[in-house]
Structure formats: C-alpha cells, structure tokens
Amino acid sequence: MQEAVIDTNVLVYHTFEDSLYHEAATSLLDRLDRWLVPLVVVYEYVLGP
C-alpha cells in the first residue's frame, strides 16, 4: 500500500487543470492508495491565504 502526506500545493495543482504541475500532481495522487491530509492542509486549501 502506497501512502503519503499531502501538501496544500499538491491539492491546488491537482485541482486547477491549467496549472503547470497539474499532470504531475494528478499522476502522483492517482498512484497512491491512501492520502494523509493534515487538518492544517484542509484549512489552507478551503480558506486560502
């Protein structure tokens, strides 16, 4: 089982298709069996800067 702690930037790159790193982020997340997303990352992703 592959798992990783996910950073806010990876989620942002995955979300926005016009991002320079969209394909890389999507590929990375698709390979993982489990995403570990810290609560602070959820706050940053939802509320922004």
PDB file of N, CA and C in Angstrom:
ATOM      1  N   MET A   1       0.840  -1.174   0.000  1.00  0.00           N
ATOM      2  CA  MET A   1       0.000   0.000   0.000  1.00  0.00           C
ATOM      3  C   MET A   1       0.887   1.240   0.000  1.00  0.00           C
ATOM      4  N   GLN A   2       0.666   2.095  -0.967  1.00  0.00           N
ATOM      5  CA  GLN A   2       1.422   3.346  -1.020  1.00  0.00           C
ATOM      6  C   GLN A   2       0.579   4.459  -0.431  1.00  0.00           C
ATOM      7  N   GLU A   3       1.207   5.218   0.455  1.00  0.00           N
ATOM      8  CA  GLU A   3       0.523   6.341   1.072  1.00  0.00           C
ATOM      9  C   GLU A   3       1.506   7.484   1.231  1.00  0.00           C
ATOM     10  N   ALA A   4       0.958   8.698   1.347  1.00  0.00           N
ATOM     11  CA  ALA A   4       1.814   9.870   1.507  1.00  0.00           C
ATOM     12  C   ALA A   4       1.041  10.974   2.208  1.00  0.00           C
ATOM     13  N   VAL A   5       1.778  11.819   2.910  1.00  0.00           N
ATOM     14  CA  VAL A   5       1.209  13.028   3.484  1.00  0.00           C
ATOM     15  C   VAL A   5       1.141  14.052   2.351  1.00  0.00           C
ATOM     16  N   ILE A   6      -0.034  14.606   2.147  1.00  0.00           N
ATOM     17  CA  ILE A   6      -0.267  15.500   1.014  1.00  0.00           C
ATOM     18  C   ILE A   6      -0.160  16.953   1.458  1.00  0.00           C
ATOM     19  N   ASP A   7       0.592  17.725   0.697  1.00  0.00           N
ATOM     20  CA  ASP A   7       0.784  19.147   0.935  1.00  0.00           C
ATOM     21  C   ASP A   7      -0.302  19.942   0.200  1.00  0.00           C
ATOM     22  N   THR A   8      -0.569  21.143   0.684  1.00  0.00           N
ATOM     23  CA  THR A   8      -1.575  22.007   0.061  1.00  0.00           C
ATOM     24  C   THR A   8      -1.278  22.242  -1.415  1.00  0.00           C
ATOM     25  N   ASN A   9      -0.021  22.453  -1.754  1.00  0.00           N
ATOM     26  CA  ASN A   9       0.333  22.738  -3.146  1.00  0.00           C
ATOM     27  C   ASN A   9      -0.059  21.602  -4.080  1.00  0.00           C
ATOM     28  N   VAL A  10       0.109  20.376  -3.641  1.00  0.00           N
ATOM     29  CA  VAL A  10      -0.255  19.230  -4.478  1.00  0.00           C
ATOM     30  C   VAL A  10      -1.755  19.239  -4.745  1.00  0.00           C
ATOM     31  N   LEU A  11      -2.554  19.536  -3.740  1.00  0.00           N
ATOM     32  CA  LEU A  11      -4.007  19.606  -3.931  1.00  0.00           C
ATOM     33  C   LEU A  11      -4.393  20.734  -4.882  1.00  0.00           C
ATOM     34  N   VAL A  12      -3.740  21.872  -4.737  1.00  0.00           N
ATOM     35  CA  VAL A  12      -4.030  23.011  -5.616  1.00  0.00           C
ATOM     36  C   VAL A  12      -3.648  22.681  -7.053  1.00  0.00           C
ATOM     37  N   TYR A  13      -2.469  22.118  -7.261  1.00  0.00           N
ATOM     38  CA  TYR A  13      -2.045  21.745  -8.615  1.00  0.00           C
ATOM     39  C   TYR A  13      -2.979  20.704  -9.214  1.00  0.00           C
ATOM     40  N   HIS A  14      -3.444  19.784  -8.402  1.00  0.00           N
ATOM     41  CA  HIS A  14      -4.360  18.746  -8.872  1.00  0.00           C
ATOM     42  C   HIS A  14      -5.719  19.338  -9.263  1.00  0.00           C
ATOM     43  N   THR A  15      -6.152  20.345  -8.535  1.00  0.00           N
ATOM     44  CA  THR A  15      -7.470  20.944  -8.749  1.00  0.00           C
ATOM     45  C   THR A  15      -7.540  21.771 -10.029  1.00  0.00           C
ATOM     46  N   PHE A  16      -6.523  22.570 -10.284  1.00  0.00           N
ATOM     47  CA  PHE A  16      -6.561  23.505 -11.408  1.00  0.00           C
ATOM     48  C   PHE A  16      -5.876  22.910 -12.634  1.00  0.00           C
ATOM     49  N   GLU A  17      -6.687  22.596 -13.645  1.00  0.00           N
ATOM     50  CA  GLU A  17      -6.179  21.922 -14.839  1.00  0.00           C
ATOM     51  C   GLU A  17      -5.204  22.772 -15.642  1.00  0.00           C
ATOM     52  N   ASP A  18      -5.259  24.093 -15.494  1.00  0.00           N
ATOM     53  CA  ASP A  18      -4.335  24.956 -16.229  1.00  0.00           C
ATOM     54  C   ASP A  18      -3.024  25.192 -15.470  1.00  0.00           C
ATOM     55  N   SER A  19      -2.877  24.537 -14.331  1.00  0.00           N
ATOM     56  CA  SER A  19      -1.648  24.638 -13.552  1.00  0.00           C
ATOM     57  C   SER A  19      -0.494  23.967 -14.291  1.00  0.00           C
ATOM     58  N   LEU A  20       0.679  24.529 -14.151  1.00  0.00           N
ATOM     59  CA  LEU A  20       1.882  23.980 -14.769  1.00  0.00           C
ATOM     60  C   LEU A  20       2.156  22.552 -14.285  1.00  0.00           C
ATOM     61  N   TYR A  21       1.795  22.250 -13.058  1.00  0.00           N
ATOM     62  CA  TYR A  21       2.094  20.950 -12.455  1.00  0.00           C
ATOM     63  C   TYR A  21       0.870  20.043 -12.314  1.00  0.00           C
ATOM     64  N   HIS A  22      -0.204  20.352 -13.019  1.00  0.00           N
ATOM     65  CA  HIS A  22      -1.444  19.570 -12.888  1.00  0.00           C
ATOM     66  C   HIS A  22      -1.228  18.091 -13.204  1.00  0.00           C
ATOM     67  N   GLU A  23      -0.604  17.797 -14.319  1.00  0.00           N
ATOM     68  CA  GLU A  23      -0.416  16.391 -14.708  1.00  0.00           C
ATOM     69  C   GLU A  23       0.457  15.639 -13.710  1.00  0.00           C
ATOM     70  N   ALA A  24       1.507  16.270 -13.235  1.00  0.00           N
ATOM     71  CA  ALA A  24       2.396  15.620 -12.265  1.00  0.00           C
ATOM     72  C   ALA A  24       1.664  15.358 -10.947  1.00  0.00           C
ATOM     73  N   ALA A  25       0.904  16.336 -10.485  1.00  0.00           N
ATOM     74  CA  ALA A  25       0.168  16.165  -9.231  1.00  0.00           C
ATOM     75  C   ALA A  25      -0.898  15.082  -9.368  1.00  0.00           C
ATOM     76  N   THR A  26      -1.604  15.084 -10.488  1.00  0.00           N
ATOM     77  CA  THR A  26      -2.640  14.078 -10.721  1.00  0.00           C
ATOM     78  C   THR A  26      -2.036  12.685 -10.790  1.00  0.00           C
ATOM     79  N   SER A  27      -0.932  12.553 -11.487  1.00  0.00           N
ATOM     80  CA  SER A  27      -0.258  11.261 -11.601  1.00  0.00           C
ATOM     81  C   SER A  27       0.189  10.755 -10.229  1.00  0.00           C
ATOM     82  N   LEU A  28       0.762  11.638  -9.448  1.00  0.00           N
ATOM     83  CA  LEU A  28       1.214  11.273  -8.107  1.00  0.00           C
ATOM     84  C   LEU A  28       0.047  10.801  -7.243  1.00  0.00           C
ATOM     85  N   LEU A  29      -1.019  11.572  -7.214  1.00  0.00           N
ATOM     86  CA  LEU A  29      -2.159  11.226  -6.364  1.00  0.00           C
ATOM     87  C   LEU A  29      -2.858   9.959  -6.839  1.00  0.00           C
ATOM     88  N   ASP A  30      -2.904   9.746  -8.138  1.00  0.00           N
ATOM     89  CA  ASP A  30      -3.539   8.537  -8.681  1.00  0.00           C
ATOM     90  C   ASP A  30      -2.776   7.268  -8.313  1.00  0.00           C
ATOM     91  N   ARG A  31      -1.466   7.376  -8.127  1.00  0.00           N
ATOM     92  CA  ARG A  31      -0.648   6.210  -7.774  1.00  0.00           C
ATOM     93  C   ARG A  31      -0.786   5.808  -6.306  1.00  0.00           C
ATOM     94  N   LEU A  32      -1.276   6.717  -5.494  1.00  0.00           N
ATOM     95  CA  LEU A  32      -1.365   6.445  -4.060  1.00  0.00           C
ATOM     96  C   LEU A  32      -2.637   5.678  -3.718  1.00  0.00           C
ATOM     97  N   ASP A  33      -2.503   4.766  -2.768  1.00  0.00           N
ATOM     98  CA  ASP A  33      -3.659   4.047  -2.249  1.00  0.00           C
ATOM     99  C   ASP A  33      -4.348   4.838  -1.138  1.00  0.00           C
ATOM    100  N   ARG A  34      -3.569   5.685  -0.488  1.00  0.00           N
ATOM    101  CA  ARG A  34      -4.097   6.423   0.659  1.00  0.00           C
ATOM    102  C   ARG A  34      -3.462   7.801   0.722  1.00  0.00           C
ATOM    103  N   TRP A  35      -4.310   8.815   0.890  1.00  0.00           N
ATOM    104  CA  TRP A  35      -3.835  10.179   1.081  1.00  0.00           C
ATOM    105  C   TRP A  35      -3.953  10.523   2.561  1.00  0.00           C
ATOM    106  N   LEU A  36      -2.896  11.045   3.134  1.00  0.00           N
ATOM    107  CA  LEU A  36      -2.923  11.530   4.511  1.00  0.00           C
ATOM    108  C   LEU A  36      -2.881  13.053   4.438  1.00  0.00           C
ATOM    109  N   VAL A  37      -3.998  13.683   4.758  1.00  0.00           N
ATOM    110  CA  VAL A  37      -4.116  15.135   4.620  1.00  0.00           C
ATOM    111  C   VAL A  37      -4.259  15.746   6.015  1.00  0.00           C
ATOM    112  N   PRO A  38      -3.213  16.441   6.473  1.00  0.00           N
ATOM    113  CA  PRO A  38      -3.287  17.077   7.790  1.00  0.00           C
ATOM    114  C   PRO A  38      -4.384  18.149   7.822  1.00  0.00           C
ATOM    115  N   LEU A  39      -4.939  18.369   8.988  1.00  0.00           N
ATOM    116  CA  LEU A  39      -6.014  19.340   9.138  1.00  0.00           C
ATOM    117  C   LEU A  39      -5.591  20.734   8.686  1.00  0.00           C
ATOM    118  N   VAL A  40      -4.356  21.118   8.945  1.00  0.00           N
ATOM    119  CA  VAL A  40      -3.887  22.438   8.523  1.00  0.00           C
ATOM    120  C   VAL A  40      -3.922  22.561   6.996  1.00  0.00           C
ATOM    121  N   VAL A  41      -3.678  21.478   6.288  1.00  0.00           N
ATOM    122  CA  VAL A  41      -3.742  21.487   4.821  1.00  0.00           C
ATOM    123  C   VAL A  41      -5.186  21.688   4.367  1.00  0.00           C
ATOM    124  N   VAL A  42      -6.115  21.051   5.036  1.00  0.00           N
ATOM    125  CA  VAL A  42      -7.538  21.243   4.711  1.00  0.00           C
ATOM    126  C   VAL A  42      -7.917  22.707   4.904  1.00  0.00           C
ATOM    127  N   TYR A  43      -7.511  23.311   6.010  1.00  0.00           N
ATOM    128  CA  TYR A  43      -7.791  24.726   6.261  1.00  0.00           C
ATOM    129  C   TYR A  43      -7.211  25.606   5.160  1.00  0.00           C
ATOM    130  N   GLU A  44      -5.952  25.386   4.816  1.00  0.00           N
ATOM    131  CA  GLU A  44      -5.302  26.194   3.779  1.00  0.00           C
ATOM    132  C   GLU A  44      -6.001  26.031   2.438  1.00  0.00           C
ATOM    133  N   TYR A  45      -6.370  24.815   2.110  1.00  0.00           N
ATOM    134  CA  TYR A  45      -6.996  24.524   0.817  1.00  0.00           C
ATOM    135  C   TYR A  45      -8.386  25.157   0.725  1.00  0.00           C
ATOM    136  N   VAL A  46      -9.149  25.054   1.789  1.00  0.00           N
ATOM    137  CA  VAL A  46     -10.526  25.560   1.770  1.00  0.00           C
ATOM    138  C   VAL A  46     -10.577  27.073   1.943  1.00  0.00           C
ATOM    139  N   LEU A  47      -9.803  27.603   2.874  1.00  0.00           N
ATOM    140  CA  LEU A  47      -9.879  29.022   3.204  1.00  0.00           C
ATOM    141  C   LEU A  47      -8.921  29.891   2.405  1.00  0.00           C
ATOM    142  N   GLY A  48      -7.874  29.297   1.851  1.00  0.00           N
ATOM    143  CA  GLY A  48      -6.895  30.067   1.087  1.00  0.00           C
ATOM    144  C   GLY A  48      -5.994  30.887   1.990  1.00  0.00           C
ATOM    145  N   PRO A  49      -5.156  31.708   1.355  1.00  0.00           N
ATOM    146  CA  PRO A  49      -4.194  32.505   2.137  1.00  0.00           C
ATOM    147  C   PRO A  49      -4.849  33.624   2.927  1.00  0.00           C
TER     148      PRO A  49
END
